[in-house]
Amino acid sequence: MPVPGYDPEDLDAQLEAAAGEDELRARMTDEEFRQYEEGEHLIDLLDEDEIDELLDDS
């Protein structure tokens, strides 16, 4: 059973709530955003500093 907060879908939901689509698009290349739209997890596309910034701003 996954631990809440460590499941990639949970982390994606938290990052999506903190940033919104425009902010996410601004932080990713076109290729990364395409991968995100196709189901790739944000934690695999954003670097650690970007994730920290998004979560700190929320």
PDB file of N, CA and C in Angstrom:
ATOM      1  N   MET A   1       0.854  -1.186   0.000  1.00  0.00           N
ATOM      2  CA  MET A   1       0.000   0.000   0.000  1.00  0.00           C
ATOM      3  C   MET A   1       0.893   1.240   0.000  1.00  0.00           C
ATOM      4  N   PRO A   2       0.673   2.182  -0.920  1.00  0.00           N
ATOM      5  CA  PRO A   2       1.508   3.378  -0.982  1.00  0.00           C
ATOM      6  C   PRO A   2       1.295   4.280   0.228  1.00  0.00           C
ATOM      7  N   VAL A   3       2.352   4.959   0.586  1.00  0.00           N
ATOM      8  CA  VAL A   3       2.298   5.930   1.673  1.00  0.00           C
ATOM      9  C   VAL A   3       1.822   7.252   1.089  1.00  0.00           C
ATOM     10  N   PRO A   4       0.774   7.886   1.673  1.00  0.00           N
ATOM     11  CA  PRO A   4       0.300   9.169   1.147  1.00  0.00           C
ATOM     12  C   PRO A   4       1.437  10.189   1.083  1.00  0.00           C
ATOM     13  N   GLY A   5       1.488  10.913  -0.005  1.00  0.00           N
ATOM     14  CA  GLY A   5       2.517  11.926  -0.187  1.00  0.00           C
ATOM     15  C   GLY A   5       3.731  11.421  -0.935  1.00  0.00           C
ATOM     16  N   TYR A   6       3.864  10.109  -1.079  1.00  0.00           N
ATOM     17  CA  TYR A   6       5.001   9.548  -1.790  1.00  0.00           C
ATOM     18  C   TYR A   6       4.593   8.874  -3.090  1.00  0.00           C
ATOM     19  N   ASP A   7       3.326   8.765  -3.323  1.00  0.00           N
ATOM     20  CA  ASP A   7       2.818   8.220  -4.570  1.00  0.00           C
ATOM     21  C   ASP A   7       2.999   9.290  -5.652  1.00  0.00           C
ATOM     22  N   PRO A   8       3.559   8.949  -6.811  1.00  0.00           N
ATOM     23  CA  PRO A   8       3.763   9.969  -7.849  1.00  0.00           C
ATOM     24  C   PRO A   8       2.499  10.746  -8.209  1.00  0.00           C
ATOM     25  N   GLU A   9       1.346  10.089  -8.227  1.00  0.00           N
ATOM     26  CA  GLU A   9       0.099  10.790  -8.540  1.00  0.00           C
ATOM     27  C   GLU A   9      -0.247  11.809  -7.449  1.00  0.00           C
ATOM     28  N   ASP A  10       0.016  11.463  -6.176  1.00  0.00           N
ATOM     29  CA  ASP A  10      -0.222  12.407  -5.079  1.00  0.00           C
ATOM     30  C   ASP A  10       0.685  13.624  -5.211  1.00  0.00           C
ATOM     31  N   LEU A  11       1.955  13.370  -5.529  1.00  0.00           N
ATOM     32  CA  LEU A  11       2.901  14.475  -5.679  1.00  0.00           C
ATOM     33  C   LEU A  11       2.534  15.342  -6.880  1.00  0.00           C
ATOM     34  N   ASP A  12       2.131  14.718  -7.978  1.00  0.00           N
ATOM     35  CA  ASP A  12       1.682  15.486  -9.145  1.00  0.00           C
ATOM     36  C   ASP A  12       0.498  16.376  -8.779  1.00  0.00           C
ATOM     37  N   ALA A  13      -0.467  15.821  -8.065  1.00  0.00           N
ATOM     38  CA  ALA A  13      -1.652  16.591  -7.678  1.00  0.00           C
ATOM     39  C   ALA A  13      -1.267  17.779  -6.811  1.00  0.00           C
ATOM     40  N   GLN A  14      -0.336  17.577  -5.892  1.00  0.00           N
ATOM     41  CA  GLN A  14       0.101  18.669  -5.021  1.00  0.00           C
ATOM     42  C   GLN A  14       0.827  19.748  -5.825  1.00  0.00           C
ATOM     43  N   LEU A  15       1.684  19.350  -6.742  1.00  0.00           N
ATOM     44  CA  LEU A  15       2.396  20.318  -7.576  1.00  0.00           C
ATOM     45  C   LEU A  15       1.443  21.042  -8.521  1.00  0.00           C
ATOM     46  N   GLU A  16       0.497  20.324  -9.101  1.00  0.00           N
ATOM     47  CA  GLU A  16      -0.491  20.945  -9.989  1.00  0.00           C
ATOM     48  C   GLU A  16      -1.329  21.968  -9.237  1.00  0.00           C
ATOM     49  N   ALA A  17      -1.703  21.656  -8.001  1.00  0.00           N
ATOM     50  CA  ALA A  17      -2.489  22.590  -7.194  1.00  0.00           C
ATOM     51  C   ALA A  17      -1.668  23.818  -6.831  1.00  0.00           C
ATOM     52  N   ALA A  18      -0.383  23.635  -6.616  1.00  0.00           N
ATOM     53  CA  ALA A  18       0.483  24.741  -6.216  1.00  0.00           C
ATOM     54  C   ALA A  18       0.808  25.663  -7.386  1.00  0.00           C
ATOM     55  N   ALA A  19       0.866  25.120  -8.596  1.00  0.00           N
ATOM     56  CA  ALA A  19       1.371  25.904  -9.715  1.00  0.00           C
ATOM     57  C   ALA A  19       0.319  26.290 -10.736  1.00  0.00           C
ATOM     58  N   GLY A  20      -0.462  25.379 -11.195  1.00  0.00           N
ATOM     59  CA  GLY A  20      -1.357  25.641 -12.312  1.00  0.00           C
ATOM     60  C   GLY A  20      -0.639  25.385 -13.628  1.00  0.00           C
ATOM     61  N   GLU A  21      -1.416  25.212 -14.682  1.00  0.00           N
ATOM     62  CA  GLU A  21      -0.859  24.820 -15.975  1.00  0.00           C
ATOM     63  C   GLU A  21       0.094  25.858 -16.554  1.00  0.00           C
ATOM     64  N   ASP A  22      -0.222  27.152 -16.446  1.00  0.00           N
ATOM     65  CA  ASP A  22       0.648  28.183 -17.016  1.00  0.00           C
ATOM     66  C   ASP A  22       2.026  28.171 -16.365  1.00  0.00           C
ATOM     67  N   GLU A  23       2.067  28.054 -15.053  1.00  0.00           N
ATOM     68  CA  GLU A  23       3.344  28.015 -14.329  1.00  0.00           C
ATOM     69  C   GLU A  23       4.133  26.762 -14.695  1.00  0.00           C
ATOM     70  N   LEU A  24       3.459  25.639 -14.773  1.00  0.00           N
ATOM     71  CA  LEU A  24       4.148  24.400 -15.147  1.00  0.00           C
ATOM     72  C   LEU A  24       4.718  24.503 -16.552  1.00  0.00           C
ATOM     73  N   ARG A  25       3.924  25.035 -17.482  1.00  0.00           N
ATOM     74  CA  ARG A  25       4.390  25.186 -18.867  1.00  0.00           C
ATOM     75  C   ARG A  25       5.618  26.096 -18.921  1.00  0.00           C
ATOM     76  N   ALA A  26       5.637  27.144 -18.121  1.00  0.00           N
ATOM     77  CA  ALA A  26       6.762  28.077 -18.115  1.00  0.00           C
ATOM     78  C   ALA A  26       8.040  27.426 -17.590  1.00  0.00           C
ATOM     79  N   ARG A  27       7.909  26.433 -16.753  1.00  0.00           N
ATOM     80  CA  ARG A  27       9.077  25.775 -16.153  1.00  0.00           C
ATOM     81  C   ARG A  27       9.591  24.594 -16.972  1.00  0.00           C
ATOM     82  N   MET A  28       8.858  24.190 -17.995  1.00  0.00           N
ATOM     83  CA  MET A  28       9.247  23.019 -18.783  1.00  0.00           C
ATOM     84  C   MET A  28       9.478  23.391 -20.238  1.00  0.00           C
ATOM     85  N   THR A  29      10.300  22.583 -20.891  1.00  0.00           N
ATOM     86  CA  THR A  29      10.453  22.728 -22.337  1.00  0.00           C
ATOM     87  C   THR A  29       9.180  22.211 -23.004  1.00  0.00           C
ATOM     88  N   ASP A  30       9.036  22.488 -24.287  1.00  0.00           N
ATOM     89  CA  ASP A  30       7.876  21.973 -25.026  1.00  0.00           C
ATOM     90  C   ASP A  30       7.829  20.448 -24.970  1.00  0.00           C
ATOM     91  N   GLU A  31       8.990  19.818 -25.095  1.00  0.00           N
ATOM     92  CA  GLU A  31       9.055  18.351 -25.050  1.00  0.00           C
ATOM     93  C   GLU A  31       8.655  17.827 -23.671  1.00  0.00           C
ATOM     94  N   GLU A  32       9.138  18.467 -22.609  1.00  0.00           N
ATOM     95  CA  GLU A  32       8.767  18.043 -21.257  1.00  0.00           C
ATOM     96  C   GLU A  32       7.269  18.207 -21.026  1.00  0.00           C
ATOM     97  N   PHE A  33       6.707  19.320 -21.496  1.00  0.00           N
ATOM     98  CA  PHE A  33       5.273  19.542 -21.304  1.00  0.00           C
ATOM     99  C   PHE A  33       4.462  18.511 -22.085  1.00  0.00           C
ATOM    100  N   ARG A  34       4.918  18.146 -23.274  1.00  0.00           N
ATOM    101  CA  ARG A  34       4.249  17.108 -24.055  1.00  0.00           C
ATOM    102  C   ARG A  34       4.281  15.781 -23.289  1.00  0.00           C
ATOM    103  N   GLN A  35       5.432  15.462 -22.714  1.00  0.00           N
ATOM    104  CA  GLN A  35       5.547  14.230 -21.926  1.00  0.00           C
ATOM    105  C   GLN A  35       4.610  14.271 -20.723  1.00  0.00           C
ATOM    106  N   TYR A  36       4.514  15.419 -20.085  1.00  0.00           N
ATOM    107  CA  TYR A  36       3.617  15.595 -18.941  1.00  0.00           C
ATOM    108  C   TYR A  36       2.166  15.365 -19.364  1.00  0.00           C
ATOM    109  N   GLU A  37       1.771  15.945 -20.496  1.00  0.00           N
ATOM    110  CA  GLU A  37       0.411  15.765 -20.993  1.00  0.00           C
ATOM    111  C   GLU A  37       0.124  14.311 -21.364  1.00  0.00           C
ATOM    112  N   GLU A  38       1.173  13.566 -21.698  1.00  0.00           N
ATOM    113  CA  GLU A  38       1.015  12.159 -22.063  1.00  0.00           C
ATOM    114  C   GLU A  38       1.113  11.230 -20.852  1.00  0.00           C
ATOM    115  N   GLY A  39       1.251  11.814 -19.641  1.00  0.00           N
ATOM    116  CA  GLY A  39       1.206  10.993 -18.439  1.00  0.00           C
ATOM    117  C   GLY A  39       2.486  10.883 -17.640  1.00  0.00           C
ATOM    118  N   GLU A  40       3.565  11.500 -18.111  1.00  0.00           N
ATOM    119  CA  GLU A  40       4.818  11.478 -17.343  1.00  0.00           C
ATOM    120  C   GLU A  40       4.611  12.262 -16.049  1.00  0.00           C
ATOM    121  N   HIS A  41       5.229  11.816 -14.979  1.00  0.00           N
ATOM    122  CA  HIS A  41       5.068  12.474 -13.685  1.00  0.00           C
ATOM    123  C   HIS A  41       5.927  13.733 -13.593  1.00  0.00           C
ATOM    124  N   LEU A  42       5.372  14.748 -12.946  1.00  0.00           N
ATOM    125  CA  LEU A  42       6.097  16.004 -12.777  1.00  0.00           C
ATOM    126  C   LEU A  42       7.408  15.809 -12.035  1.00  0.00           C
ATOM    127  N   ILE A  43       7.429  14.891 -11.074  1.00  0.00           N
ATOM    128  CA  ILE A  43       8.670  14.681 -10.321  1.00  0.00           C
ATOM    129  C   ILE A  43       9.777  14.109 -11.204  1.00  0.00           C
ATOM    130  N   ASP A  44       9.412  13.559 -12.357  1.00  0.00           N
ATOM    131  CA  ASP A  44      10.405  13.064 -13.307  1.00  0.00           C
ATOM    132  C   ASP A  44      10.827  14.140 -14.303  1.00  0.00           C
ATOM    133  N   LEU A  45      10.055  15.205 -14.405  1.00  0.00           N
ATOM    134  CA  LEU A  45      10.326  16.250 -15.395  1.00  0.00           C
ATOM    135  C   LEU A  45      10.934  17.516 -14.795  1.00  0.00           C
ATOM    136  N   LEU A  46      10.585  17.829 -13.568  1.00  0.00           N
ATOM    137  CA  LEU A  46      11.099  19.031 -12.915  1.00  0.00           C
ATOM    138  C   LEU A  46      12.290  18.670 -12.045  1.00  0.00           C
ATOM    139  N   ASP A  47      13.237  19.605 -11.917  1.00  0.00           N
ATOM    140  CA  ASP A  47      14.356  19.312 -11.028  1.00  0.00           C
ATOM    141  C   ASP A  47      13.984  19.648  -9.583  1.00  0.00           C
ATOM    142  N   GLU A  48      14.827  19.239  -8.670  1.00  0.00           N
ATOM    143  CA  GLU A  48      14.534  19.372  -7.241  1.00  0.00           C
ATOM    144  C   GLU A  48      14.292  20.821  -6.833  1.00  0.00           C
ATOM    145  N   ASP A  49      15.086  21.753  -7.357  1.00  0.00           N
ATOM    146  CA  ASP A  49      14.915  23.166  -7.010  1.00  0.00           C
ATOM    147  C   ASP A  49      13.561  23.700  -7.476  1.00  0.00           C
ATOM    148  N   GLU A  50      13.140  23.315  -8.679  1.00  0.00           N
ATOM    149  CA  GLU A  50      11.839  23.759  -9.188  1.00  0.00           C
ATOM    150  C   GLU A  50      10.699  23.217  -8.330  1.00  0.00           C
ATOM    151  N   ILE A  51      10.810  21.974  -7.933  1.00  0.00           N
ATOM    152  CA  ILE A  51       9.779  21.374  -7.079  1.00  0.00           C
ATOM    153  C   ILE A  51       9.724  22.090  -5.738  1.00  0.00           C
ATOM    154  N   ASP A  52      10.893  22.351  -5.145  1.00  0.00           N
ATOM    155  CA  ASP A  52      10.942  23.071  -3.865  1.00  0.00           C
ATOM    156  C   ASP A  52      10.308  24.453  -3.981  1.00  0.00           C
ATOM    157  N   GLU A  53      10.614  25.172  -5.066  1.00  0.00           N
ATOM    158  CA  GLU A  53      10.045  26.509  -5.269  1.00  0.00           C
ATOM    159  C   GLU A  53       8.527  26.452  -5.377  1.00  0.00           C
ATOM    160  N   LEU A  54       8.021  25.508  -6.141  1.00  0.00           N
ATOM    161  CA  LEU A  54       6.570  25.384  -6.305  1.00  0.00           C
ATOM    162  C   LEU A  54       5.885  25.079  -4.980  1.00  0.00           C
ATOM    163  N   LEU A  55       6.460  24.189  -4.201  1.00  0.00           N
ATOM    164  CA  LEU A  55       5.848  23.811  -2.930  1.00  0.00           C
ATOM    165  C   LEU A  55       5.994  24.908  -1.881  1.00  0.00           C
ATOM    166  N   ASP A  56       7.108  25.651  -1.912  1.00  0.00           N
ATOM    167  CA  ASP A  56       7.304  26.749  -0.963  1.00  0.00           C
ATOM    168  C   ASP A  56       6.358  27.906  -1.238  1.00  0.00           C
ATOM    169  N   ASP A  57       6.025  28.121  -2.518  1.00  0.00           N
ATOM    170  CA  ASP A  57       5.137  29.224  -2.899  1.00  0.00           C
ATOM    171  C   ASP A  57       3.678  28.938  -2.577  1.00  0.00           C
ATOM    172  N   SER A  58       3.343  27.686  -2.297  1.00  0.00           N
ATOM    173  CA  SER A  58       1.933  27.341  -2.060  1.00  0.00           C
ATOM    174  C   SER A  58       1.544  27.546  -0.616  1.00  0.00           C
TER     175      SER A  58
END
